[in-house]
C-alpha atoms as a PDB file:
ATOM      1  CA  MET A   1      -4.128  26.449  22.423  1.00  0.00           C
ATOM      2  CA  GLU A   2      -1.490  25.768  25.033  1.00  0.00           C
ATOM      3  CA  VAL A   3      -1.503  26.797  28.692  1.00  0.00           C
ATOM      4  CA  LYS A   4       1.676  26.909  30.761  1.00  0.00           C
ATOM      5  CA  ILE A   5       1.883  27.729  34.437  1.00  0.00           C
ATOM      6  CA  SER A   6       5.176  28.855  35.913  1.00  0.00           C
ATOM      7  CA  ASN A   7       5.642  29.274  39.629  1.00  0.00           C
ATOM      8  CA  ASP A   8       7.660  32.399  40.089  1.00  0.00           C
ATOM      9  CA  PRO A   9       6.917  33.866  43.474  1.00  0.00           C
ATOM     10  CA  VAL A  10       3.412  34.230  41.961  1.00  0.00           C
ATOM     11  CA  PRO A  11       1.936  31.698  39.498  1.00  0.00           C
ATOM     12  CA  VAL A  12       1.967  33.036  35.928  1.00  0.00           C
ATOM     13  CA  ILE A  13      -0.560  31.475  33.557  1.00  0.00           C
ATOM     14  CA  SER A  14       0.636  31.868  29.951  1.00  0.00           C
ATOM     15  CA  ILE A  15      -1.837  31.235  27.148  1.00  0.00           C
ATOM     16  CA  ASN A  16      -0.615  30.547  23.632  1.00  0.00           C
ATOM     17  CA  GLY A  17      -3.080  30.529  20.720  1.00  0.00           C
ATOM     18  CA  ARG A  18      -6.829  30.912  20.405  1.00  0.00           C
ATOM     19  CA  MET A  19      -9.034  30.540  23.472  1.00  0.00           C
ATOM     20  CA  ASP A  20     -12.420  29.634  22.019  1.00  0.00           C
ATOM     21  CA  THR A  21     -15.394  27.436  22.827  1.00  0.00           C
ATOM     22  CA  GLY A  22     -13.715  24.331  21.470  1.00  0.00           C
ATOM     23  CA  ASN A  23     -10.675  24.494  23.700  1.00  0.00           C
ATOM     24  CA  THR A  24     -11.510  26.390  26.899  1.00  0.00           C
ATOM     25  CA  VAL A  25     -11.509  23.008  28.610  1.00  0.00           C
ATOM     26  CA  ILE A  26      -7.703  23.056  28.244  1.00  0.00           C
ATOM     27  CA  PHE A  27      -7.564  26.255  30.306  1.00  0.00           C
ATOM     28  CA  GLU A  28     -10.133  24.901  32.772  1.00  0.00           C
ATOM     29  CA  GLU A  29      -8.087  21.739  33.371  1.00  0.00           C
ATOM     30  CA  ALA A  30      -4.827  23.679  33.656  1.00  0.00           C
ATOM     31  CA  ILE A  31      -6.136  26.043  36.347  1.00  0.00           C
ATOM     32  CA  ALA A  32      -8.063  23.376  38.331  1.00  0.00           C
ATOM     33  CA  PRO A  33      -5.130  22.714  40.727  1.00  0.00           C
ATOM     34  CA  LEU A  34      -4.744  26.473  41.294  1.00  0.00           C
ATOM     35  CA  LEU A  35      -8.432  26.809  42.161  1.00  0.00           C
ATOM     36  CA  LYS A  36      -8.026  24.100  44.808  1.00  0.00           C
ATOM     37  CA  SER A  37      -4.771  25.501  46.191  1.00  0.00           C
ATOM     38  CA  PRO A  38      -4.420  28.214  48.819  1.00  0.00           C
ATOM     39  CA  THR A  39      -2.649  30.407  46.231  1.00  0.00           C
ATOM     40  CA  LYS A  40      -4.126  33.898  46.475  1.00  0.00           C
ATOM     41  CA  ASP A  41      -2.295  35.891  43.825  1.00  0.00           C
ATOM     42  CA  MET A  42      -1.912  35.041  40.131  1.00  0.00           C
ATOM     43  CA  ILE A  43      -0.971  36.611  36.824  1.00  0.00           C
ATOM     44  CA  ILE A  44      -2.342  35.803  33.383  1.00  0.00           C
ATOM     45  CA  ASP A  45       0.169  36.558  30.642  1.00  0.00           C
ATOM     46  CA  GLY A  46      -1.681  37.243  27.406  1.00  0.00           C
ATOM     47  CA  SER A  47       1.289  38.055  25.195  1.00  0.00           C
ATOM     48  CA  ASP A  48       0.662  34.959  23.018  1.00  0.00           C
ATOM     49  CA  LEU A  49      -3.150  34.962  23.309  1.00  0.00           C
ATOM     50  CA  GLU A  50      -4.413  35.422  19.739  1.00  0.00           C
ATOM     51  CA  TYR A  51      -8.191  35.356  20.311  1.00  0.00           C
ATOM     52  CA  ILE A  52     -10.648  34.968  23.187  1.00  0.00           C
ATOM     53  CA  SER A  53     -14.324  34.039  22.917  1.00  0.00           C
ATOM     54  CA  SER A  54     -17.096  34.578  25.449  1.00  0.00           C
ATOM     55  CA  SER A  55     -16.449  31.117  26.887  1.00  0.00           C
ATOM     56  CA  GLY A  56     -12.797  32.085  27.366  1.00  0.00           C
ATOM     57  CA  LEU A  57     -13.821  35.279  29.104  1.00  0.00           C
ATOM     58  CA  ARG A  58     -16.094  33.218  31.351  1.00  0.00           C
ATOM     59  CA  GLN A  59     -13.090  31.113  32.419  1.00  0.00           C
ATOM     60  CA  PHE A  60     -11.232  34.294  33.352  1.00  0.00           C
ATOM     61  CA  LEU A  61     -14.233  35.250  35.506  1.00  0.00           C
ATOM     62  CA  VAL A  62     -14.205  31.851  37.236  1.00  0.00           C
ATOM     63  CA  LEU A  63     -10.552  32.372  38.132  1.00  0.00           C
ATOM     64  CA  GLN A  64     -11.182  35.962  39.255  1.00  0.00           C
ATOM     65  CA  LYS A  65     -14.072  34.889  41.502  1.00  0.00           C
ATOM     66  CA  ASN A  66     -11.968  32.154  43.103  1.00  0.00           C
ATOM     67  CA  ILE A  67      -9.122  34.551  43.823  1.00  0.00           C
ATOM     68  CA  LYS A  68     -11.437  37.221  45.251  1.00  0.00           C
ATOM     69  CA  GLU A  69     -12.907  34.623  47.622  1.00  0.00           C
ATOM     70  CA  LYS A  70      -9.343  34.083  48.895  1.00  0.00           C
ATOM     71  CA  ASN A  71      -8.792  37.864  49.203  1.00  0.00           C
ATOM     72  CA  GLY A  72      -6.103  37.679  46.551  1.00  0.00           C
ATOM     73  CA  SER A  73      -5.394  39.498  43.312  1.00  0.00           C
ATOM     74  CA  LEU A  74      -5.414  38.527  39.654  1.00  0.00           C
ATOM     75  CA  LYS A  75      -3.485  40.624  37.155  1.00  0.00           C
ATOM     76  CA  VAL A  76      -3.728  40.324  33.386  1.00  0.00           C
ATOM     77  CA  ARG A  77      -0.683  41.560  31.523  1.00  0.00           C
ATOM     78  CA  ASN A  78       0.745  41.836  28.016  1.00  0.00           C
ATOM     79  CA  LEU A  79      -2.569  41.745  26.141  1.00  0.00           C
ATOM     80  CA  ARG A  80      -2.397  42.330  22.403  1.00  0.00           C
ATOM     81  CA  ALA A  81      -4.297  45.393  21.191  1.00  0.00           C
ATOM     82  CA  GLU A  82      -7.122  43.337  19.656  1.00  0.00           C
ATOM     83  CA  ILE A  83      -7.614  41.362  22.895  1.00  0.00           C
ATOM     84  CA  LYS A  84      -7.485  44.567  24.950  1.00  0.00           C
ATOM     85  CA  ASP A  85     -10.242  45.927  22.685  1.00  0.00           C
ATOM     86  CA  ILE A  86     -12.412  42.898  23.541  1.00  0.00           C
ATOM     87  CA  PHE A  87     -11.781  43.526  27.239  1.00  0.00           C
ATOM     88  CA  ASP A  88     -12.743  47.182  26.756  1.00  0.00           C
ATOM     89  CA  LEU A  89     -15.934  46.361  24.822  1.00  0.00           C
ATOM     90  CA  THR A  90     -17.101  43.763  27.345  1.00  0.00           C
ATOM     91  CA  GLY A  91     -16.275  45.848  30.422  1.00  0.00           C
ATOM     92  CA  PHE A  92     -13.602  43.393  31.564  1.00  0.00           C
ATOM     93  CA  THR A  93     -11.083  46.212  31.943  1.00  0.00           C
ATOM     94  CA  ASN A  94     -13.214  47.306  34.911  1.00  0.00           C
ATOM     95  CA  ILE A  95     -13.174  43.812  36.436  1.00  0.00           C
ATOM     96  CA  PHE A  96      -9.508  42.898  36.042  1.00  0.00           C
ATOM     97  CA  THR A  97      -6.244  44.646  36.819  1.00  0.00           C
ATOM     98  CA  ILE A  98      -4.710  45.105  33.360  1.00  0.00           C
ATOM     99  CA  GLU A  99      -0.975  45.779  33.143  1.00  0.00           C
END
C-alpha cells in the first residue's frame, strides 16, 4: 500500500493498494502530521484503494474524529464499487461524506 498526500487548497490523501491489518501503520504514519496540524478540511481519494479491512476503517474514523474536533470536514471520493459496498454494510456511508 502507498499513501500520497497532495496539498491542493485542501489536502488530498490518496491510497493505492490494499489497506489491511498488516499495513495500516503506513496510513497512520502518513496522516500523523495532518492530525497535529491546524488543517480542518481533507479529502480521501479512494480511486486506487483495492481493499479495506476493519483496521483500515478504524484509521478513517481516527481521522474523522480529529477533523470533527477542529470543526472541519472530511470527504471520501472515488470509491470503487466493492469498497463502497463495505462502507454501506458497515454504516460508514452515514458517518462520512461520500462523493
